[in-house]
Structures are given as C-alpha cells and as structure tokens.
Amino acid sequence: MKVKVIGAGLAGCEAAWQLAENGIQVELFEMKPKKFSPAHKYNGFAELVCSNSLKAERIESAAGMLKEEMRKLGSLTMKAAAETKVSAGGALAVNREEFSDFITKRINSHPLIKVISEEITDIPSDGYVIIATGPLTSEPLAESIRKICGEYLYFHDAAAPIVTFESLNKDLVFYASRYGKGEADYINCPMDKEEYLRFYNELVNAESAPLKEFEKEHIEKFKVYEGCMPIEVLAKRGEDTMRFGPLKPVGLTDPRTGKRPYAVVQLRKENNEGTMYNLVGFQTNLKFPEQKRVFSLITGLENADFVRYGVMHRNTFINSPKLLNKQFRMRTNERIYFAGQITGVEGYIESAASGIYAGLSLARELKGLPVFDLPRETMLGALSEYISDESVENFQPMGCNMGILPPLSEHIRDRKLRYEAIAKRGLEKLDELLC
C-alpha cells in the first residue's frame, strides 16, 4: 500500500517521514523546482519563508511544550533544528538553507519515500492521500479541494485577537447581550469618552504590518467588505465610526454606573470551555507589538494575555471543525487527510506537528493498530481538538497556546509555575501513551 503526500513543506515532510519510518511506502509530490508559489524561492523542502525562528525553547511556554512533544514523537523537524540551530537567546532558531537541506537529504535518501517533482492539480481519485499544500495552495488544486470541501474552503485569513478569560479584569467587565436578548453570551468592556478617545487616537496612529506584494491587492479587496475591514481602517473613517459599528454601546448598561457606556468592546467565547475569548470585529493588520500596546488600553484588557494576535493576509485554509476529525482525517472521505497550515494550524512547528499526527495516525491504521488518540492535556492533542471541535464558530487559524489546554485541578497563581505544571502534566500523559 502506497500513500500519496502532496506538498513537501514542514507538514508534508513530517507526514511522509512518519509513514516511512513505520514501514509504509510514500509518494511525495512537490511542484518545486518546476513551479514556485509567490512566497517560495529555495529549491529545498521545508523552506522557512518568514522568520527562521521556531519560537521559544523553555518548557513552560506553549511552543517549548509542543517541541518537546514532537521530539518524543520522532520529529524530523526537531532533528533538523538540532543540527542547524543558530544563537537566538531563549528561542530555537535555525540556518534556513542548512535546515532545508538537512530535511531534503533525509527525505530523498529514505528507501520508502519516492519524491515526484510535479504539480498536482487534482486530488487523486483512489488510495490514501495526505494534502499538505500550505496557505498558498496553487489555484488548480485549491479548486479541486473546494469541490470536496464545498463552502468550507477559505481563501483569506481575517482573524481578530484572542485573549484568555483568566487574564481579564473581572472587576471592570460584565456579561450581557444587547437589550437583554437571549443569554448573556458576551463579555463587555465598557469605556467612557476619555478612555475611548485615548484608545481611538492610539489605534489610528498605530503601525501596520508590511504586506508582501502578492498580498497587497488581496487586502485592498478585503477593505470593500465591511465585515472584514481592519478595525484601524474603520477607525480612520472618523472618530465616531467604531461607536456606530463593532463598539456600539446601544442596548447595554454598565452595572458599575447604571448607565449606557460611551463605547463597548465585546468579547465572544472562542471555545466551549470558555477559556478563550475573541475581540468581536477586531480584524486587524497592525504589527503584533502594536496590537498588544493599543488593545491593552481597552477597559478590562489592561493585563490581557493574547494567545493569538489578529491577522489579515492571503491564506488558504479549510474550515476544519466542519470537515476533519482529531486525527486530521476527513469525516466524509476517510481516505483523505489534511496537514499543515491548510488545516488552520498557525505557525511552523504547529504545521510540522500536524503532519506528524496525520502521518502517524494513517500509518497505525494501515498497520491495523488502534487509533492514535493524543490526550487533550498535550499541546498537540489540544490543538487537534480545537481544529476538529464542531462547536467552534467563525473558525480562524490558531497556533499553540496555553489557553487551549484544560486548566489544572488546582489554581497556581504564579504564571510561570502554573505553565510549568501544565507542561509537566501534558508530557507525562504523552509518556503514558507511548509506553
């Protein structure tokens, strides 16, 4: 039995590696060097197109926890990083070309992996397939994916920031729905005129993130749709524009004052557990440090822990909660798996980790072994739970963060110690599974 893996990025290489290491023959399709996406330039596999950093190393960080899980699962990415790392303080950074060359050599030399340099324009009609073509999937293949995903293929990424519930100032925010209709599903951050104007002035003068050439036209098209307009663009239309849009205070009463606020930022629950909330209407193209600085001026978010910043760029991803199970397998077509950023996992290591999970899961199935079900206490298990949670609405890409993990049974006040305990719990759960 041969498995076809489409795409030799981080996710595709990890999926192919896991399959081959488990004795499964793989055909790995990669359109480079015959054809390049707008962002790719290097001939090698697993090309890092943005930063050369694989995020923090410390175990009490979400990224550090995920990387340690990947090492335990036999990650090729982590082997490459160990051999090609460069000095980067507390982060794990690599020499881009050496990193790509290491993975390319290991993939090409594996006896069970056959690399085929050609563009796939249609999903193969038979056999098992793992689609790992990334956020810049070519148009012909994207159209083929659209046919099997229906309305659940997105060609953009317009995401609002997400904060943790525990980091909110509960003394200043309040639960309510407008005019008291339905359940009080929103957390409201009320602002008086002085607070609002301070926020407004900082927002309209904040620095936006630079766009790649191929994204500029895409973002300009975005701006014509009111529901996708960056909050900073909306604000620049006039001082009161936001107050008649996503920050409108009508139908809400601040229990602290008994009056209607001057403006209100609403937070909507991001997951069933209520551990994460997104800022409604706050799609943005501001630089990440600017988002932290400006959005922390919102009442109740003074010490907010941002587990995902807002983004607005050219992207292709599927609405995984409607399409995939926890193992990254299509619910309606069990021979097809997805992996990488096209599934809505955000980031290098997250993409690689999803490839590990998809490849290992399929390998175990083909060998007649029980389903590989990662505990939710692990970072990869929690991330896969999130992207396959059918209750998630308005799905947008998500990277690893402590907010997606279940809380500890006992609260530890010190954040560093709490995160250390969470990481230790998850790694112990993974060790138990792998025994």
Protein backbone atom coordinates (compact mmCIF):
# COMPACT_ATOMS: atom_id res chain seq x y z
CA MET A 1 0.00 0.00 0.00
CA LYS A 2 1.38 3.38 -1.06
CA VAL A 3 0.30 6.70 0.40
CA LYS A 4 0.43 9.89 -1.65
CA VAL A 5 1.55 13.00 0.23
CA ILE A 6 1.05 16.28 -1.62
CA GLY A 7 3.43 19.06 -0.63
CA ALA A 8 6.98 18.88 0.77
CA GLY A 9 6.73 21.66 3.29
CA LEU A 10 7.15 21.03 7.00
CA ALA A 11 3.84 19.18 7.35
CA GLY A 12 4.24 17.07 4.23
CA CYS A 13 7.79 16.05 5.09
CA GLU A 14 6.80 15.11 8.65
CA ALA A 15 3.80 13.08 7.40
CA ALA A 16 5.94 11.26 4.82
CA TRP A 17 8.65 10.62 7.42
CA GLN A 18 6.24 9.15 9.97
CA LEU A 19 4.69 6.86 7.35
CA ALA A 20 8.05 5.68 6.02
CA GLU A 21 9.50 5.14 9.49
CA ASN A 22 6.50 2.90 10.13
CA GLY A 23 7.19 0.79 7.04
CA ILE A 24 4.67 2.45 4.68
CA GLN A 25 5.70 3.33 1.12
CA VAL A 26 5.21 7.00 0.26
CA GLU A 27 5.00 9.02 -2.94
CA LEU A 28 5.79 12.62 -2.02
CA PHE A 29 4.68 15.16 -4.63
CA GLU A 30 6.33 18.58 -4.72
CA MET A 31 5.89 21.14 -7.51
CA LYS A 32 9.24 22.83 -6.82
CA PRO A 33 11.59 23.40 -8.60
CA LYS A 34 9.31 23.34 -11.68
CA LYS A 35 6.90 25.83 -10.11
CA PHE A 36 7.13 28.14 -7.10
CA SER A 37 4.43 29.85 -5.05
CA PRO A 38 4.71 33.65 -4.71
CA ALA A 39 6.45 33.25 -1.33
CA HIS A 40 8.86 30.39 -2.04
CA LYS A 41 12.35 30.87 -3.51
CA TYR A 42 14.55 27.96 -2.37
CA ASN A 43 14.63 24.59 -4.14
CA GLY A 44 14.79 22.56 -0.94
CA PHE A 45 11.96 21.04 1.11
CA ALA A 46 10.56 22.52 4.34
CA GLU A 47 11.50 26.05 3.27
CA LEU A 48 11.08 28.65 6.01
CA VAL A 49 9.60 31.60 4.13
CA CYS A 50 9.24 34.10 7.01
CA SER A 51 11.22 34.02 10.24
CA ASN A 52 13.96 31.49 10.89
CA SER A 53 12.72 31.11 14.48
CA LEU A 54 10.83 28.08 15.72
CA LYS A 55 9.73 30.04 18.81
CA ALA A 56 10.62 29.67 22.48
CA GLU A 57 12.55 26.73 23.89
CA ARG A 58 11.57 26.98 27.56
CA ILE A 59 9.31 24.13 28.59
CA GLU A 60 6.82 26.39 30.38
CA SER A 61 5.96 28.05 27.05
CA ALA A 62 3.38 26.66 24.64
CA ALA A 63 5.97 26.41 21.86
CA GLY A 64 8.53 24.76 24.10
CA MET A 65 5.97 22.22 25.28
CA LEU A 66 4.93 21.40 21.71
CA LYS A 67 8.52 20.98 20.54
CA GLU A 68 9.25 18.55 23.37
CA GLU A 69 6.18 16.52 22.37
CA MET A 70 7.41 16.50 18.78
CA ARG A 71 10.80 15.18 19.88
CA LYS A 72 9.11 12.34 21.74
CA LEU A 73 7.13 11.51 18.57
CA GLY A 74 10.27 11.26 16.42
CA SER A 75 10.02 14.61 14.62
CA LEU A 76 12.26 15.14 11.59
CA THR A 77 11.86 18.91 12.05
CA MET A 78 13.33 18.73 15.54
CA LYS A 79 16.24 16.59 14.29
CA ALA A 80 16.96 19.18 11.61
CA ALA A 81 16.70 22.05 14.09
CA ALA A 82 19.14 20.40 16.48
CA GLU A 83 21.72 20.09 13.68
CA THR A 84 21.28 23.57 12.19
CA LYS A 85 20.43 25.84 15.13
CA VAL A 86 21.90 29.31 15.50
CA SER A 87 22.18 31.51 18.57
CA ALA A 88 18.85 33.20 19.36
CA GLY A 89 18.64 33.68 23.11
CA GLY A 90 15.69 31.77 24.53
CA ALA A 91 14.32 30.82 21.12
CA LEU A 92 15.16 27.94 18.80
CA ALA A 93 16.33 29.47 15.52
CA VAL A 94 17.97 27.76 12.57
CA ASN A 95 20.07 28.44 9.49
CA ARG A 96 17.33 28.40 6.85
CA GLU A 97 19.23 26.77 3.99
CA GLU A 98 21.03 24.22 6.16
CA PHE A 99 17.71 23.34 7.82
CA SER A 100 16.01 22.81 4.45
CA ASP A 101 19.00 20.89 3.07
CA PHE A 102 19.03 18.55 6.09
CA ILE A 103 15.37 17.64 5.67
CA THR A 104 15.64 17.38 1.88
CA LYS A 105 18.57 14.98 2.17
CA ARG A 106 16.86 12.79 4.76
CA ILE A 107 13.63 12.62 2.73
CA ASN A 108 15.42 11.88 -0.57
CA SER A 109 17.58 9.17 0.98
CA HIS A 110 14.77 7.26 2.72
CA PRO A 111 14.26 3.95 0.91
CA LEU A 112 10.46 4.05 1.34
CA ILE A 113 9.96 7.63 0.10
CA LYS A 114 9.78 8.36 -3.64
CA VAL A 115 9.88 12.09 -4.42
CA ILE A 116 7.98 13.11 -7.56
CA SER A 117 8.67 16.65 -8.79
CA GLU A 118 5.39 17.69 -10.38
CA GLU A 119 2.39 19.85 -9.61
CA ILE A 120 -0.76 18.02 -8.53
CA THR A 121 -3.83 19.83 -9.85
CA ASP A 122 -6.50 17.33 -8.78
CA ILE A 123 -6.87 15.25 -5.63
CA PRO A 124 -6.07 11.64 -6.57
CA SER A 125 -9.26 9.63 -7.02
CA ASP A 126 -8.04 6.48 -5.29
CA GLY A 127 -5.79 5.43 -2.45
CA TYR A 128 -4.86 7.27 0.72
CA VAL A 129 -3.83 10.91 0.36
CA ILE A 130 -2.43 13.49 2.75
CA ILE A 131 -2.86 17.04 1.46
CA ALA A 132 -0.23 19.34 2.95
CA THR A 133 0.00 22.14 0.39
CA GLY A 134 0.05 25.07 2.78
CA PRO A 135 -1.54 28.52 2.84
CA LEU A 136 -0.52 29.28 -0.76
CA THR A 137 -2.00 26.20 -2.42
CA SER A 138 -1.97 26.57 -6.21
CA GLU A 139 -5.25 27.62 -7.78
CA PRO A 140 -5.96 24.38 -9.72
CA LEU A 141 -5.52 22.21 -6.62
CA ALA A 142 -7.42 24.70 -4.48
CA GLU A 143 -10.33 24.35 -6.87
CA SER A 144 -10.16 20.55 -6.54
CA ILE A 145 -10.12 20.92 -2.75
CA ARG A 146 -13.11 23.24 -2.96
CA LYS A 147 -15.09 20.50 -4.72
CA ILE A 148 -14.71 18.12 -1.78
CA CYS A 149 -14.95 20.81 0.93
CA GLY A 150 -17.81 22.82 -0.56
CA GLU A 151 -18.28 26.17 1.17
CA TYR A 152 -15.69 25.27 3.78
CA LEU A 153 -12.60 26.35 1.83
CA TYR A 154 -11.44 29.88 2.66
CA PHE A 155 -9.04 31.97 0.61
CA HIS A 156 -8.21 34.54 3.23
CA ASP A 157 -7.29 34.92 6.85
CA ALA A 158 -9.10 37.74 8.64
CA ALA A 159 -8.79 36.96 12.30
CA ALA A 160 -9.40 39.01 15.43
CA PRO A 161 -7.15 38.71 18.50
CA ILE A 162 -7.94 36.14 21.18
CA VAL A 163 -7.32 36.63 24.91
CA THR A 164 -7.55 34.25 27.84
CA PHE A 165 -10.50 34.53 30.19
CA GLU A 166 -8.33 34.31 33.29
CA SER A 167 -6.35 37.40 32.27
CA LEU A 168 -9.39 39.71 32.08
CA ASN A 169 -10.05 42.28 34.81
CA LYS A 170 -13.33 40.84 36.12
CA ASP A 171 -13.96 43.95 38.22
CA LEU A 172 -14.35 46.10 35.10
CA VAL A 173 -16.06 43.86 32.52
CA PHE A 174 -19.57 42.43 32.60
CA TYR A 175 -21.67 39.73 30.94
CA ALA A 176 -24.65 40.88 28.86
CA SER A 177 -26.34 40.65 25.49
CA ARG A 178 -27.81 43.75 23.86
CA TYR A 179 -31.23 44.68 25.26
CA GLY A 180 -31.04 41.56 27.44
CA LYS A 181 -32.00 39.34 24.50
CA GLY A 182 -31.08 35.69 24.87
CA GLU A 183 -28.37 34.50 27.23
CA ALA A 184 -25.59 36.81 28.36
CA ASP A 185 -23.11 35.30 25.92
CA TYR A 186 -20.79 38.31 25.59
CA ILE A 187 -18.25 39.81 27.92
CA ASN A 188 -18.46 43.58 27.59
CA CYS A 189 -15.59 46.02 28.05
CA PRO A 190 -17.16 49.46 28.69
CA MET A 191 -15.33 52.72 28.00
CA ASP A 192 -16.19 56.28 28.93
CA LYS A 193 -15.45 59.12 26.49
CA GLU A 194 -11.95 59.81 27.80
CA GLU A 195 -10.97 56.14 27.66
CA TYR A 196 -12.45 55.75 24.19
CA LEU A 197 -10.67 58.78 22.73
CA ARG A 198 -7.34 57.66 24.15
CA PHE A 199 -7.85 54.24 22.55
CA TYR A 200 -9.04 55.78 19.27
CA ASN A 201 -6.04 58.11 18.96
CA GLU A 202 -3.54 55.31 19.61
CA LEU A 203 -5.34 52.99 17.17
CA VAL A 204 -5.39 55.37 14.20
CA ASN A 205 -1.69 56.16 14.71
CA ALA A 206 -0.52 52.57 15.26
CA GLU A 207 1.88 50.90 12.85
CA SER A 208 0.59 48.29 10.42
CA ALA A 209 2.45 45.15 9.39
CA PRO A 210 4.15 45.24 5.96
CA LEU A 211 2.49 43.21 3.24
CA LYS A 212 4.09 41.03 0.60
CA GLU A 213 3.49 42.20 -2.96
CA PHE A 214 1.09 39.37 -3.75
CA GLU A 215 -0.97 40.22 -0.65
CA LYS A 216 -1.48 43.93 -1.31
CA GLU A 217 -4.19 43.54 -3.95
CA HIS A 218 -5.85 40.89 -1.80
CA ILE A 219 -6.03 43.20 1.23
CA GLU A 220 -7.36 46.08 -0.86
CA LYS A 221 -10.20 43.81 -1.99
CA PHE A 222 -10.79 42.92 1.66
CA LYS A 223 -11.45 46.53 2.55
CA VAL A 224 -14.58 46.76 0.44
CA TYR A 225 -16.29 44.20 2.67
CA GLU A 226 -17.45 45.85 5.88
CA GLY A 227 -17.38 42.60 7.86
CA CYS A 228 -13.70 42.03 7.01
CA MET A 229 -12.45 45.61 7.28
CA PRO A 230 -9.43 46.09 9.57
CA ILE A 231 -10.51 47.89 12.74
CA GLU A 232 -7.80 50.53 12.22
CA VAL A 233 -9.12 51.29 8.71
CA LEU A 234 -12.65 51.62 10.07
CA ALA A 235 -11.42 53.95 12.82
CA LYS A 236 -9.73 56.26 10.29
CA ARG A 237 -13.11 56.98 8.71
CA GLY A 238 -13.96 59.17 11.68
CA GLU A 239 -13.83 59.48 15.45
CA ASP A 240 -17.30 58.01 16.00
CA THR A 241 -17.31 55.36 13.25
CA MET A 242 -16.44 52.50 15.60
CA ARG A 243 -19.17 53.62 18.02
CA PHE A 244 -21.73 53.01 15.29
CA GLY A 245 -20.10 49.73 14.35
CA PRO A 246 -18.46 46.99 16.46
CA LEU A 247 -18.10 49.29 19.52
CA LYS A 248 -21.70 50.50 19.59
CA PRO A 249 -22.97 50.72 23.19
CA VAL A 250 -26.71 50.63 22.48
CA GLY A 251 -28.73 48.10 24.46
CA LEU A 252 -26.07 47.72 27.14
CA THR A 253 -25.90 49.04 30.70
CA ASP A 254 -22.72 49.12 32.75
CA PRO A 255 -23.66 47.66 36.18
CA ARG A 256 -20.95 49.81 37.81
CA THR A 257 -22.62 53.07 36.74
CA GLY A 258 -26.17 52.04 35.86
CA LYS A 259 -25.73 53.93 32.57
CA ARG A 260 -25.01 53.15 28.94
CA PRO A 261 -21.24 53.33 28.24
CA TYR A 262 -19.79 55.69 25.68
CA ALA A 263 -18.40 52.69 23.75
CA VAL A 264 -18.20 48.93 24.33
CA VAL A 265 -15.82 46.29 23.04
CA GLN A 266 -17.50 42.88 23.11
CA LEU A 267 -15.68 39.59 23.66
CA ARG A 268 -17.17 36.36 22.32
CA LYS A 269 -16.43 32.88 23.62
CA GLU A 270 -13.93 31.08 21.40
CA ASN A 271 -14.34 27.56 22.76
CA ASN A 272 -16.85 25.51 24.75
CA GLU A 273 -14.79 25.69 27.93
CA GLY A 274 -14.81 29.49 27.88
CA THR A 275 -11.05 29.70 28.44
CA MET A 276 -10.55 31.96 25.41
CA TYR A 277 -12.45 34.96 24.03
CA ASN A 278 -12.06 36.85 20.75
CA LEU A 279 -12.45 40.62 20.28
CA VAL A 280 -15.56 40.95 18.12
CA GLY A 281 -14.99 42.97 14.94
CA PHE A 282 -11.28 43.46 15.57
CA GLN A 283 -9.78 42.02 12.39
CA THR A 284 -6.53 43.92 12.06
CA ASN A 285 -3.31 44.29 10.14
CA LEU A 286 -1.40 46.03 12.94
CA LYS A 287 2.01 44.73 13.97
CA PHE A 288 1.80 42.31 16.88
CA PRO A 289 3.56 44.58 19.44
CA GLU A 290 1.21 47.39 18.40
CA GLN A 291 -1.81 45.17 18.98
CA LYS A 292 -0.58 44.35 22.46
CA ARG A 293 0.05 48.03 23.23
CA VAL A 294 -3.15 49.50 21.77
CA PHE A 295 -5.67 46.80 22.62
CA SER A 296 -4.44 46.70 26.21
CA LEU A 297 -5.93 50.20 26.51
CA ILE A 298 -9.40 48.66 26.30
CA THR A 299 -11.13 48.53 29.69
CA GLY A 300 -10.59 45.14 31.28
CA LEU A 301 -7.75 44.15 28.95
CA GLU A 302 -5.01 46.00 30.83
CA ASN A 303 -3.20 42.75 31.62
CA ALA A 304 -4.72 40.58 28.91
CA ASP A 305 -2.82 37.52 27.77
CA PHE A 306 -3.07 37.47 23.97
CA VAL A 307 -2.93 33.85 22.80
CA ARG A 308 -3.40 34.86 19.17
CA TYR A 309 -2.97 38.24 17.55
CA GLY A 310 -5.17 39.46 14.75
CA VAL A 311 -4.03 38.82 11.19
CA MET A 312 -5.21 39.78 7.75
CA HIS A 313 -3.35 38.26 4.84
CA ARG A 314 -3.61 36.00 1.83
CA ASN A 315 -4.22 32.49 3.04
CA THR A 316 -5.91 29.27 2.02
CA PHE A 317 -7.35 27.05 4.72
CA ILE A 318 -10.30 24.77 5.27
CA ASN A 319 -12.97 25.06 7.94
CA SER A 320 -11.53 22.08 9.78
CA PRO A 321 -14.15 21.90 12.59
CA LYS A 322 -16.75 21.08 9.93
CA LEU A 323 -14.53 18.72 7.94
CA LEU A 324 -11.86 16.94 9.96
CA ASN A 325 -11.64 14.64 12.94
CA LYS A 326 -8.96 14.89 15.60
CA GLN A 327 -6.51 12.84 13.53
CA PHE A 328 -6.80 15.36 10.62
CA ARG A 329 -8.88 12.92 8.59
CA MET A 330 -11.92 13.97 6.55
CA ARG A 331 -15.14 12.86 8.17
CA THR A 332 -16.89 12.35 4.82
CA ASN A 333 -13.98 10.76 2.94
CA GLU A 334 -11.83 8.57 5.13
CA ARG A 335 -9.05 8.06 2.58
CA ILE A 336 -8.17 11.79 2.64
CA TYR A 337 -6.17 13.52 5.37
CA PHE A 338 -5.05 17.13 5.58
CA ALA A 339 -1.99 18.50 7.39
CA GLY A 340 -0.25 21.81 7.93
CA GLN A 341 -1.45 25.37 7.67
CA ILE A 342 -4.23 24.47 5.26
CA THR A 343 -5.97 22.86 8.26
CA GLY A 344 -5.92 26.13 10.20
CA VAL A 345 -2.96 25.44 12.47
CA GLU A 346 -0.82 28.58 12.53
CA GLY A 347 2.97 28.51 12.58
CA TYR A 348 5.99 26.45 11.59
CA ILE A 349 6.06 23.99 14.45
CA GLU A 350 2.27 23.67 14.55
CA SER A 351 2.29 22.76 10.85
CA ALA A 352 5.05 20.22 11.33
CA ALA A 353 3.31 18.74 14.37
CA SER A 354 0.04 18.29 12.46
CA GLY A 355 1.98 16.40 9.80
CA ILE A 356 3.35 14.11 12.49
CA TYR A 357 -0.13 13.42 13.83
CA ALA A 358 -1.68 12.82 10.39
CA GLY A 359 1.16 10.59 9.20
CA LEU A 360 1.39 8.58 12.40
CA SER A 361 -2.40 8.15 12.56
CA LEU A 362 -2.60 6.87 8.99
CA ALA A 363 0.39 4.59 9.48
CA ARG A 364 -1.22 2.98 12.52
CA GLU A 365 -4.46 2.49 10.63
CA LEU A 366 -2.70 0.77 7.72
CA LYS A 367 -0.88 -1.49 10.18
CA GLY A 368 -4.16 -2.43 11.87
CA LEU A 369 -3.28 -0.74 15.16
CA PRO A 370 -5.70 1.16 17.44
CA VAL A 371 -6.48 4.80 16.67
CA PHE A 372 -3.74 7.12 17.86
CA ASP A 373 -5.57 9.48 20.20
CA LEU A 374 -3.36 12.13 21.79
CA PRO A 375 -4.50 13.26 25.27
CA ARG A 376 -6.10 16.68 25.42
CA GLU A 377 -3.57 17.63 28.09
CA THR A 378 -0.84 17.55 25.42
CA MET A 379 -0.34 20.65 23.28
CA LEU A 380 -0.73 18.75 20.01
CA GLY A 381 -3.76 16.92 21.37
CA ALA A 382 -5.38 20.20 22.43
CA LEU A 383 -4.58 21.87 19.10
CA SER A 384 -6.08 18.96 17.16
CA GLU A 385 -9.13 19.05 19.44
CA TYR A 386 -9.58 22.74 18.65
CA ILE A 387 -9.36 22.39 14.87
CA SER A 388 -11.84 19.47 14.96
CA ASP A 389 -14.29 20.93 17.51
CA GLU A 390 -17.62 21.23 15.69
CA SER A 391 -18.83 23.81 18.23
CA VAL A 392 -16.22 26.34 17.06
CA GLU A 393 -17.90 29.08 15.01
CA ASN A 394 -16.23 31.59 12.71
CA PHE A 395 -13.15 29.38 12.57
CA GLN A 396 -9.82 31.10 12.05
CA PRO A 397 -6.26 29.71 12.19
CA MET A 398 -4.83 29.02 15.64
CA GLY A 399 -1.31 28.46 16.91
CA CYS A 400 -0.22 26.64 20.04
CA ASN A 401 -1.03 28.48 23.27
CA MET A 402 -1.75 27.64 26.88
CA GLY A 403 -5.35 28.83 26.54
CA ILE A 404 -6.43 25.74 24.57
CA LEU A 405 -5.30 23.35 27.31
CA PRO A 406 -7.64 22.21 30.08
CA PRO A 407 -6.99 24.06 33.36
CA LEU A 408 -5.26 22.40 36.30
CA SER A 409 -7.43 20.96 39.06
CA GLU A 410 -5.82 23.43 41.47
CA HIS A 411 -5.13 27.04 40.54
CA ILE A 412 -1.49 28.14 40.75
CA ARG A 413 -1.29 31.92 40.94
CA ASP A 414 2.24 32.34 39.62
CA ARG A 415 2.01 32.09 35.81
CA LYS A 416 5.47 30.57 35.28
CA LEU A 417 4.85 27.87 37.87
CA ARG A 418 1.34 27.25 36.52
CA TYR A 419 2.62 26.80 32.97
CA GLU A 420 5.42 24.53 34.19
CA ALA A 421 2.83 22.34 35.91
CA ILE A 422 0.64 22.28 32.79
CA ALA A 423 3.58 21.28 30.60
CA LYS A 424 4.72 18.58 33.03
CA ARG A 425 1.18 17.15 33.15
CA GLY A 426 0.96 17.01 29.35
CA LEU A 427 4.34 15.41 28.83
CA GLU A 428 3.60 12.79 31.47
CA LYS A 429 0.32 11.98 29.67
CA LEU A 430 2.21 11.59 26.40
CA ASP A 431 4.81 9.31 28.02
CA GLU A 432 1.98 7.12 29.34
CA LEU A 433 0.51 6.83 25.84
CA LEU A 434 3.84 5.98 24.25
CA CYS A 435 4.79 3.31 26.82
